[in-house]
Amino acid sequence: MPPSEGRVRSVFFAFDDPLDKMTAEFRIYRDLADEADVLLWYHFTMFIVAEGRRVEPVVRYEGIEFSHHKRIDTHVYRVHGHNTSYPRHPVTGEFIDRVHNPVTGETVRVEPTILTEDPGMLYSPEGKHPLDRDGDGYTPTSTVFRIEDDIVKAEQIRVPPDNWVTPFIETSHNWTSRALFEDPSITRLPMGTAGGYVFPYPRWLQMGDIPGHMFAIWSGKKLDGVHQLPAEYFARIERDNPELLAVDLSPFED
């Protein structure tokens, strides 16, 4: 058999023009329309990483990241949204409101994760500018593009708002069809996503002075709208947080 036959095709590629790079990112992550909603649905599992202790899974969450963008200048978009996630048992997947903390031995009340205070960001060919940042500087995006057989992957490290506490880091692998990617008439590509992030202990875990942090890993996909959300999740958010089935557009009125 020839040496190349049957091998995975894996090729890095890049863009010389920053606008071409941003266009590719927006087609995968978002939508090239001047104004659009973008809905990501995901599951993630949290692990406690306490110094000197065995790393243990503690809870699974199911949730959404729901955002809106609007073009406010030539190639400059404002992005704003929220996250809404509900706890599930890490093994059975049932919705829960209490978990066993394997480090402290205590049973604690686990809360939904509702993030609505992120100020959002500006997105341009120069990169991203969190709107809580002083000055006008942009941080270039770290996206690395690869072809892997019949898919295109975009791998990225997140630019967090400047006021987010440490430790925090988030990295994601996002993919779409290579055939669709190579069709420039498609402005909103389907996308699968997976990644991980490191963050401080949540208050509800009641970790006290035990040194350490959390790690979580997720997987999900971009949906076309809330009508595609799984029935069980949709029923939960419609009951508890129906206002979060839409993006608050008031920040775009500034």
C-alpha atoms as a PDB file:
ATOM      1  CA  MET A   1       0.000   0.000   0.000  1.00  0.00           C
ATOM      2  CA  PRO A   2       1.428   3.442  -0.864  1.00  0.00           C
ATOM      3  CA  PRO A   3       2.585   5.284   2.281  1.00  0.00           C
ATOM      4  CA  SER A   4       0.017   8.099   1.853  1.00  0.00           C
ATOM      5  CA  GLU A   5      -3.008   5.863   1.324  1.00  0.00           C
ATOM      6  CA  GLY A   6      -5.434   5.814   4.257  1.00  0.00           C
ATOM      7  CA  ARG A   7      -3.746   8.640   6.159  1.00  0.00           C
ATOM      8  CA  VAL A   8      -5.735  11.420   7.809  1.00  0.00           C
ATOM      9  CA  ARG A   9      -5.293  14.661   5.893  1.00  0.00           C
ATOM     10  CA  SER A  10      -4.303  17.359   8.395  1.00  0.00           C
ATOM     11  CA  VAL A  11      -3.232  20.746   7.033  1.00  0.00           C
ATOM     12  CA  PHE A  12      -2.779  24.087   8.792  1.00  0.00           C
ATOM     13  CA  PHE A  13      -3.792  27.182   6.870  1.00  0.00           C
ATOM     14  CA  ALA A  14      -3.788  30.907   7.603  1.00  0.00           C
ATOM     15  CA  PHE A  15      -4.962  34.207   6.142  1.00  0.00           C
ATOM     16  CA  ASP A  16      -2.646  37.026   5.050  1.00  0.00           C
ATOM     17  CA  ASP A  17      -5.484  39.559   5.279  1.00  0.00           C
ATOM     18  CA  PRO A  18      -6.937  40.123   8.808  1.00  0.00           C
ATOM     19  CA  LEU A  19     -10.346  40.821   7.256  1.00  0.00           C
ATOM     20  CA  ASP A  20     -10.317  37.405   5.552  1.00  0.00           C
ATOM     21  CA  LYS A  21      -9.500  35.813   8.900  1.00  0.00           C
ATOM     22  CA  MET A  22     -12.344  37.625  10.655  1.00  0.00           C
ATOM     23  CA  THR A  23     -14.727  36.649   7.844  1.00  0.00           C
ATOM     24  CA  ALA A  24     -13.790  32.983   8.282  1.00  0.00           C
ATOM     25  CA  GLU A  25     -14.239  33.237  12.062  1.00  0.00           C
ATOM     26  CA  PHE A  26     -17.633  34.917  11.749  1.00  0.00           C
ATOM     27  CA  ARG A  27     -18.906  32.357   9.238  1.00  0.00           C
ATOM     28  CA  ILE A  28     -18.001  29.539  11.653  1.00  0.00           C
ATOM     29  CA  TYR A  29     -18.673  31.092  15.048  1.00  0.00           C
ATOM     30  CA  ARG A  30     -21.446  33.494  14.132  1.00  0.00           C
ATOM     31  CA  ASP A  31     -23.061  34.847  10.914  1.00  0.00           C
ATOM     32  CA  LEU A  32     -21.861  37.386   8.348  1.00  0.00           C
ATOM     33  CA  ALA A  33     -25.185  39.233   8.457  1.00  0.00           C
ATOM     34  CA  ASP A  34     -24.916  42.834   9.665  1.00  0.00           C
ATOM     35  CA  GLU A  35     -27.196  41.900  12.568  1.00  0.00           C
ATOM     36  CA  ALA A  36     -28.033  38.410  13.852  1.00  0.00           C
ATOM     37  CA  ASP A  37     -28.748  36.205  16.857  1.00  0.00           C
ATOM     38  CA  VAL A  38     -26.357  33.302  17.471  1.00  0.00           C
ATOM     39  CA  LEU A  39     -27.364  30.399  19.736  1.00  0.00           C
ATOM     40  CA  LEU A  40     -24.947  27.785  21.081  1.00  0.00           C
ATOM     41  CA  TRP A  41     -26.254  24.774  23.047  1.00  0.00           C
ATOM     42  CA  TYR A  42     -23.920  22.638  25.127  1.00  0.00           C
ATOM     43  CA  HIS A  43     -23.352  20.135  27.937  1.00  0.00           C
ATOM     44  CA  PHE A  44     -20.376  20.478  30.271  1.00  0.00           C
ATOM     45  CA  THR A  45     -18.996  18.619  33.289  1.00  0.00           C
ATOM     46  CA  MET A  46     -17.254  20.367  36.196  1.00  0.00           C
ATOM     47  CA  PHE A  47     -14.319  18.828  38.069  1.00  0.00           C
ATOM     48  CA  ILE A  48     -12.879  19.911  41.418  1.00  0.00           C
ATOM     49  CA  VAL A  49      -9.091  20.316  41.235  1.00  0.00           C
ATOM     50  CA  ALA A  50      -8.119  20.682  44.915  1.00  0.00           C
ATOM     51  CA  GLU A  51      -4.439  20.661  45.806  1.00  0.00           C
ATOM     52  CA  GLY A  52      -3.314  17.299  47.131  1.00  0.00           C
ATOM     53  CA  ARG A  53      -6.687  15.657  46.361  1.00  0.00           C
ATOM     54  CA  ARG A  54      -7.946  13.316  43.673  1.00  0.00           C
ATOM     55  CA  VAL A  55      -9.631  15.190  40.815  1.00  0.00           C
ATOM     56  CA  GLU A  56     -13.348  14.427  40.909  1.00  0.00           C
ATOM     57  CA  PRO A  57     -16.345  15.242  38.692  1.00  0.00           C
ATOM     58  CA  VAL A  58     -19.018  17.006  40.696  1.00  0.00           C
ATOM     59  CA  VAL A  59     -21.830  18.148  38.386  1.00  0.00           C
ATOM     60  CA  ARG A  60     -22.957  18.280  34.762  1.00  0.00           C
ATOM     61  CA  TYR A  61     -24.682  21.314  33.274  1.00  0.00           C
ATOM     62  CA  GLU A  62     -26.801  21.784  30.169  1.00  0.00           C
ATOM     63  CA  GLY A  63     -27.074  25.291  28.821  1.00  0.00           C
ATOM     64  CA  ILE A  64     -26.966  27.893  26.119  1.00  0.00           C
ATOM     65  CA  GLU A  65     -24.881  30.871  25.112  1.00  0.00           C
ATOM     66  CA  PHE A  66     -27.272  33.227  23.354  1.00  0.00           C
ATOM     67  CA  SER A  67     -25.857  36.376  21.796  1.00  0.00           C
ATOM     68  CA  HIS A  68     -26.588  39.064  19.252  1.00  0.00           C
ATOM     69  CA  HIS A  69     -24.248  41.057  17.066  1.00  0.00           C
ATOM     70  CA  LYS A  70     -24.731  44.269  15.155  1.00  0.00           C
ATOM     71  CA  ARG A  71     -22.404  45.992  12.719  1.00  0.00           C
ATOM     72  CA  ILE A  72     -21.677  49.475  14.098  1.00  0.00           C
ATOM     73  CA  ASP A  73     -18.932  50.565  11.686  1.00  0.00           C
ATOM     74  CA  THR A  74     -17.043  49.241   8.666  1.00  0.00           C
ATOM     75  CA  HIS A  75     -16.011  45.688   9.662  1.00  0.00           C
ATOM     76  CA  VAL A  76     -16.714  46.442  13.343  1.00  0.00           C
ATOM     77  CA  TYR A  77     -19.397  44.497  15.215  1.00  0.00           C
ATOM     78  CA  ARG A  78     -20.738  44.832  18.723  1.00  0.00           C
ATOM     79  CA  VAL A  79     -21.501  41.493  20.419  1.00  0.00           C
ATOM     80  CA  HIS A  80     -23.575  40.997  23.577  1.00  0.00           C
ATOM     81  CA  GLY A  81     -25.383  38.046  25.121  1.00  0.00           C
ATOM     82  CA  HIS A  82     -25.879  35.730  28.094  1.00  0.00           C
ATOM     83  CA  ASN A  83     -25.432  32.152  29.317  1.00  0.00           C
ATOM     84  CA  THR A  84     -28.118  30.036  30.992  1.00  0.00           C
ATOM     85  CA  SER A  85     -27.170  26.597  32.345  1.00  0.00           C
ATOM     86  CA  TYR A  86     -28.983  24.154  34.640  1.00  0.00           C
ATOM     87  CA  PRO A  87     -27.340  21.445  36.782  1.00  0.00           C
ATOM     88  CA  ARG A  88     -27.757  17.764  36.015  1.00  0.00           C
ATOM     89  CA  HIS A  89     -26.481  14.647  37.740  1.00  0.00           C
ATOM     90  CA  PRO A  90     -23.007  13.859  36.330  1.00  0.00           C
ATOM     91  CA  VAL A  91     -23.970  10.239  35.536  1.00  0.00           C
ATOM     92  CA  THR A  92     -27.757   9.922  35.174  1.00  0.00           C
ATOM     93  CA  GLY A  93     -28.303  13.344  33.613  1.00  0.00           C
ATOM     94  CA  GLU A  94     -31.400  14.139  35.677  1.00  0.00           C
ATOM     95  CA  PHE A  95     -31.946  17.765  36.707  1.00  0.00           C
ATOM     96  CA  ILE A  96     -30.764  18.238  40.314  1.00  0.00           C
ATOM     97  CA  ASP A  97     -30.509  20.958  42.941  1.00  0.00           C
ATOM     98  CA  ARG A  98     -27.990  19.318  45.307  1.00  0.00           C
ATOM     99  CA  VAL A  99     -24.665  17.569  44.823  1.00  0.00           C
ATOM    100  CA  HIS A 100     -22.170  15.702  46.976  1.00  0.00           C
ATOM    101  CA  ASN A 101     -18.872  17.564  47.318  1.00  0.00           C
ATOM    102  CA  PRO A 102     -16.336  14.709  47.219  1.00  0.00           C
ATOM    103  CA  VAL A 103     -13.593  16.886  48.746  1.00  0.00           C
ATOM    104  CA  THR A 104     -15.437  18.231  51.796  1.00  0.00           C
ATOM    105  CA  GLY A 105     -17.861  15.317  52.122  1.00  0.00           C
ATOM    106  CA  GLU A 106     -20.787  17.739  52.358  1.00  0.00           C
ATOM    107  CA  THR A 107     -24.005  17.819  50.335  1.00  0.00           C
ATOM    108  CA  VAL A 108     -24.467  21.326  48.956  1.00  0.00           C
ATOM    109  CA  ARG A 109     -27.146  23.115  47.014  1.00  0.00           C
ATOM    110  CA  VAL A 110     -26.076  23.526  43.383  1.00  0.00           C
ATOM    111  CA  GLU A 111     -27.337  26.588  41.558  1.00  0.00           C
ATOM    112  CA  PRO A 112     -28.106  27.296  37.910  1.00  0.00           C
ATOM    113  CA  THR A 113     -25.415  29.334  36.191  1.00  0.00           C
ATOM    114  CA  ILE A 114     -26.978  32.527  34.870  1.00  0.00           C
ATOM    115  CA  LEU A 115     -24.450  34.945  33.341  1.00  0.00           C
ATOM    116  CA  THR A 116     -26.020  38.207  32.209  1.00  0.00           C
ATOM    117  CA  GLU A 117     -23.439  40.783  33.335  1.00  0.00           C
ATOM    118  CA  ASP A 118     -20.787  40.308  30.647  1.00  0.00           C
ATOM    119  CA  PRO A 119     -20.566  43.745  29.028  1.00  0.00           C
ATOM    120  CA  GLY A 120     -19.905  42.239  25.617  1.00  0.00           C
ATOM    121  CA  MET A 121     -17.206  43.174  23.149  1.00  0.00           C
ATOM    122  CA  LEU A 122     -16.300  44.766  19.872  1.00  0.00           C
ATOM    123  CA  TYR A 123     -15.063  42.440  17.132  1.00  0.00           C
ATOM    124  CA  SER A 124     -13.036  43.688  14.158  1.00  0.00           C
ATOM    125  CA  PRO A 125     -10.185  42.515  11.910  1.00  0.00           C
ATOM    126  CA  GLU A 126      -7.855  43.796  14.660  1.00  0.00           C
ATOM    127  CA  GLY A 127      -9.308  41.312  17.127  1.00  0.00           C
ATOM    128  CA  LYS A 128     -11.572  41.670  20.162  1.00  0.00           C
ATOM    129  CA  HIS A 129     -12.082  44.542  22.571  1.00  0.00           C
ATOM    130  CA  PRO A 130     -13.977  43.697  25.809  1.00  0.00           C
ATOM    131  CA  LEU A 131     -16.243  46.641  26.566  1.00  0.00           C
ATOM    132  CA  ASP A 132     -15.116  46.862  30.187  1.00  0.00           C
ATOM    133  CA  ARG A 133     -11.558  47.588  29.035  1.00  0.00           C
ATOM    134  CA  ASP A 134     -10.092  51.055  29.317  1.00  0.00           C
ATOM    135  CA  GLY A 135      -8.803  52.541  26.077  1.00  0.00           C
ATOM    136  CA  ASP A 136      -9.419  51.452  22.524  1.00  0.00           C
ATOM    137  CA  GLY A 137      -7.015  48.536  22.177  1.00  0.00           C
ATOM    138  CA  TYR A 138      -7.921  45.236  20.550  1.00  0.00           C
ATOM    139  CA  THR A 139      -6.492  41.814  21.390  1.00  0.00           C
ATOM    140  CA  PRO A 140      -5.825  39.786  18.222  1.00  0.00           C
ATOM    141  CA  THR A 141      -7.760  36.523  18.117  1.00  0.00           C
ATOM    142  CA  SER A 142      -5.689  33.378  18.529  1.00  0.00           C
ATOM    143  CA  THR A 143      -7.609  31.263  16.022  1.00  0.00           C
ATOM    144  CA  VAL A 144      -5.650  28.462  14.354  1.00  0.00           C
ATOM    145  CA  PHE A 145      -7.307  26.953  11.279  1.00  0.00           C
ATOM    146  CA  ARG A 146      -6.853  23.352  10.138  1.00  0.00           C
ATOM    147  CA  ILE A 147      -8.265  21.063   7.486  1.00  0.00           C
ATOM    148  CA  GLU A 148      -8.884  17.574   8.846  1.00  0.00           C
ATOM    149  CA  ASP A 149     -10.173  15.312   6.067  1.00  0.00           C
ATOM    150  CA  ASP A 150     -13.654  16.631   5.246  1.00  0.00           C
ATOM    151  CA  ILE A 151     -13.941  19.177   8.050  1.00  0.00           C
ATOM    152  CA  VAL A 152     -12.429  22.578   8.829  1.00  0.00           C
ATOM    153  CA  LYS A 153     -11.391  23.224  12.437  1.00  0.00           C
ATOM    154  CA  ALA A 154     -10.969  26.585  14.121  1.00  0.00           C
ATOM    155  CA  GLU A 155      -9.118  26.384  17.433  1.00  0.00           C
ATOM    156  CA  GLN A 156      -9.245  29.422  19.692  1.00  0.00           C
ATOM    157  CA  ILE A 157      -8.223  30.706  23.125  1.00  0.00           C
ATOM    158  CA  ARG A 158     -10.853  33.032  24.563  1.00  0.00           C
ATOM    159  CA  VAL A 159     -10.278  36.727  25.239  1.00  0.00           C
ATOM    160  CA  PRO A 160     -12.128  37.229  28.579  1.00  0.00           C
ATOM    161  CA  PRO A 161     -13.451  40.518  29.955  1.00  0.00           C
ATOM    162  CA  ASP A 162     -10.687  42.307  31.863  1.00  0.00           C
ATOM    163  CA  ASN A 163     -12.559  42.192  35.189  1.00  0.00           C
ATOM    164  CA  TRP A 164     -12.917  38.399  35.251  1.00  0.00           C
ATOM    165  CA  VAL A 165     -11.149  36.864  38.239  1.00  0.00           C
ATOM    166  CA  THR A 166      -8.204  34.502  37.889  1.00  0.00           C
ATOM    167  CA  PRO A 167      -7.469  31.713  37.418  1.00  0.00           C
ATOM    168  CA  PHE A 168      -9.348  31.657  34.136  1.00  0.00           C
ATOM    169  CA  ILE A 169      -8.523  30.280  30.710  1.00  0.00           C
ATOM    170  CA  GLU A 170     -10.790  28.855  28.025  1.00  0.00           C
ATOM    171  CA  THR A 171      -9.883  27.097  24.816  1.00  0.00           C
ATOM    172  CA  SER A 172     -12.166  25.628  22.181  1.00  0.00           C
ATOM    173  CA  HIS A 173     -12.092  23.458  19.076  1.00  0.00           C
ATOM    174  CA  ASN A 174     -14.859  24.303  16.599  1.00  0.00           C
ATOM    175  CA  TRP A 175     -15.587  22.574  13.331  1.00  0.00           C
ATOM    176  CA  THR A 176     -17.692  22.745  10.205  1.00  0.00           C
ATOM    177  CA  SER A 177     -18.017  20.983   6.870  1.00  0.00           C
ATOM    178  CA  ARG A 178     -15.097  21.631   4.536  1.00  0.00           C
ATOM    179  CA  ALA A 179     -17.398  21.557   1.504  1.00  0.00           C
ATOM    180  CA  LEU A 180     -19.681  24.175   3.045  1.00  0.00           C
ATOM    181  CA  PHE A 181     -16.728  26.277   4.228  1.00  0.00           C
ATOM    182  CA  GLU A 182     -15.383  26.398   0.687  1.00  0.00           C
ATOM    183  CA  ASP A 183     -18.712  27.764  -0.600  1.00  0.00           C
ATOM    184  CA  PRO A 184     -18.448  31.545  -0.005  1.00  0.00           C
ATOM    185  CA  SER A 185     -22.171  32.030  -0.595  1.00  0.00           C
ATOM    186  CA  ILE A 186     -22.870  30.404   2.807  1.00  0.00           C
ATOM    187  CA  THR A 187     -22.595  33.161   5.405  1.00  0.00           C
ATOM    188  CA  ARG A 188     -23.688  31.158   8.480  1.00  0.00           C
ATOM    189  CA  LEU A 189     -22.003  27.774   8.738  1.00  0.00           C
ATOM    190  CA  PRO A 190     -23.166  24.919  10.971  1.00  0.00           C
ATOM    191  CA  MET A 191     -20.696  24.402  13.805  1.00  0.00           C
ATOM    192  CA  GLY A 192     -19.856  21.775  16.392  1.00  0.00           C
ATOM    193  CA  THR A 193     -17.810  22.801  19.416  1.00  0.00           C
ATOM    194  CA  ALA A 194     -15.844  21.267  22.266  1.00  0.00           C
ATOM    195  CA  GLY A 195     -13.391  22.713  24.737  1.00  0.00           C
ATOM    196  CA  GLY A 196     -12.335  23.208  28.305  1.00  0.00           C
ATOM    197  CA  TYR A 197     -11.793  25.955  30.817  1.00  0.00           C
ATOM    198  CA  VAL A 198     -10.213  26.610  34.221  1.00  0.00           C
ATOM    199  CA  PHE A 199     -11.964  28.884  36.741  1.00  0.00           C
ATOM    200  CA  PRO A 200     -12.214  29.557  40.492  1.00  0.00           C
ATOM    201  CA  TYR A 201     -14.385  27.523  42.853  1.00  0.00           C
ATOM    202  CA  PRO A 202     -18.058  28.577  42.660  1.00  0.00           C
ATOM    203  CA  ARG A 203     -19.421  29.861  45.984  1.00  0.00           C
ATOM    204  CA  TRP A 204     -22.063  27.136  46.189  1.00  0.00           C
ATOM    205  CA  LEU A 205     -19.382  24.423  46.513  1.00  0.00           C
ATOM    206  CA  GLN A 206     -18.385  25.835  49.932  1.00  0.00           C
ATOM    207  CA  MET A 207     -14.716  24.952  49.548  1.00  0.00           C
ATOM    208  CA  GLY A 208     -13.587  27.289  52.314  1.00  0.00           C
ATOM    209  CA  ASP A 209      -9.801  27.756  52.437  1.00  0.00           C
ATOM    210  CA  ILE A 210      -8.972  24.592  50.463  1.00  0.00           C
ATOM    211  CA  PRO A 211      -6.562  25.698  47.711  1.00  0.00           C
ATOM    212  CA  GLY A 212      -7.386  24.803  44.129  1.00  0.00           C
ATOM    213  CA  HIS A 213      -9.734  25.596  41.272  1.00  0.00           C
ATOM    214  CA  MET A 214     -12.229  24.050  38.866  1.00  0.00           C
ATOM    215  CA  PHE A 215     -11.883  22.490  35.428  1.00  0.00           C
ATOM    216  CA  ALA A 216     -14.742  21.913  33.001  1.00  0.00           C
ATOM    217  CA  ILE A 217     -15.030  20.340  29.572  1.00  0.00           C
ATOM    218  CA  TRP A 218     -17.911  20.880  27.174  1.00  0.00           C
ATOM    219  CA  SER A 219     -19.330  19.860  23.832  1.00  0.00           C
ATOM    220  CA  GLY A 220     -22.191  21.348  21.845  1.00  0.00           C
ATOM    221  CA  LYS A 221     -23.311  22.890  18.588  1.00  0.00           C
ATOM    222  CA  LYS A 222     -24.656  26.049  16.996  1.00  0.00           C
ATOM    223  CA  LEU A 223     -28.436  26.022  16.546  1.00  0.00           C
ATOM    224  CA  ASP A 224     -30.640  28.025  14.209  1.00  0.00           C
ATOM    225  CA  GLY A 225     -32.876  29.265  17.031  1.00  0.00           C
ATOM    226  CA  VAL A 226     -34.622  28.373  20.287  1.00  0.00           C
ATOM    227  CA  HIS A 227     -37.068  26.193  18.351  1.00  0.00           C
ATOM    228  CA  GLN A 228     -34.230  23.652  17.977  1.00  0.00           C
ATOM    229  CA  LEU A 229     -33.474  23.358  21.706  1.00  0.00           C
ATOM    230  CA  PRO A 230     -34.058  19.880  23.198  1.00  0.00           C
ATOM    231  CA  ALA A 231     -37.559  19.597  24.639  1.00  0.00           C
ATOM    232  CA  GLU A 232     -36.496  18.985  28.255  1.00  0.00           C
ATOM    233  CA  TYR A 233     -34.111  21.929  28.348  1.00  0.00           C
ATOM    234  CA  PHE A 234     -36.611  24.205  26.587  1.00  0.00           C
ATOM    235  CA  ALA A 235     -39.305  23.313  29.136  1.00  0.00           C
ATOM    236  CA  ARG A 236     -36.930  24.153  32.006  1.00  0.00           C
ATOM    237  CA  ILE A 237     -35.826  27.547  30.715  1.00  0.00           C
ATOM    238  CA  GLU A 238     -39.349  28.441  29.595  1.00  0.00           C
ATOM    239  CA  ARG A 239     -40.555  27.723  33.143  1.00  0.00           C
ATOM    240  CA  ASP A 240     -37.722  29.324  35.150  1.00  0.00           C
ATOM    241  CA  ASN A 241     -36.147  31.994  32.937  1.00  0.00           C
ATOM    242  CA  PRO A 242     -38.369  32.672  29.916  1.00  0.00           C
ATOM    243  CA  GLU A 243     -36.846  36.129  29.454  1.00  0.00           C
ATOM    244  CA  LEU A 244     -33.551  34.411  28.551  1.00  0.00           C
ATOM    245  CA  LEU A 245     -35.082  32.801  25.470  1.00  0.00           C
ATOM    246  CA  ALA A 246     -34.290  36.107  23.772  1.00  0.00           C
ATOM    247  CA  VAL A 247     -31.233  38.349  23.802  1.00  0.00           C
ATOM    248  CA  ASP A 248     -31.569  41.668  25.618  1.00  0.00           C
ATOM    249  CA  LEU A 249     -31.112  44.204  22.820  1.00  0.00           C
ATOM    250  CA  SER A 250     -31.042  47.291  25.058  1.00  0.00           C
ATOM    251  CA  PRO A 251     -27.191  47.489  25.031  1.00  0.00           C
ATOM    252  CA  PHE A 252     -27.371  48.069  21.268  1.00  0.00           C
ATOM    253  CA  GLU A 253     -29.409  51.223  21.839  1.00  0.00           C
ATOM    254  CA  ASP A 254     -26.404  53.078  23.308  1.00  0.00           C
END
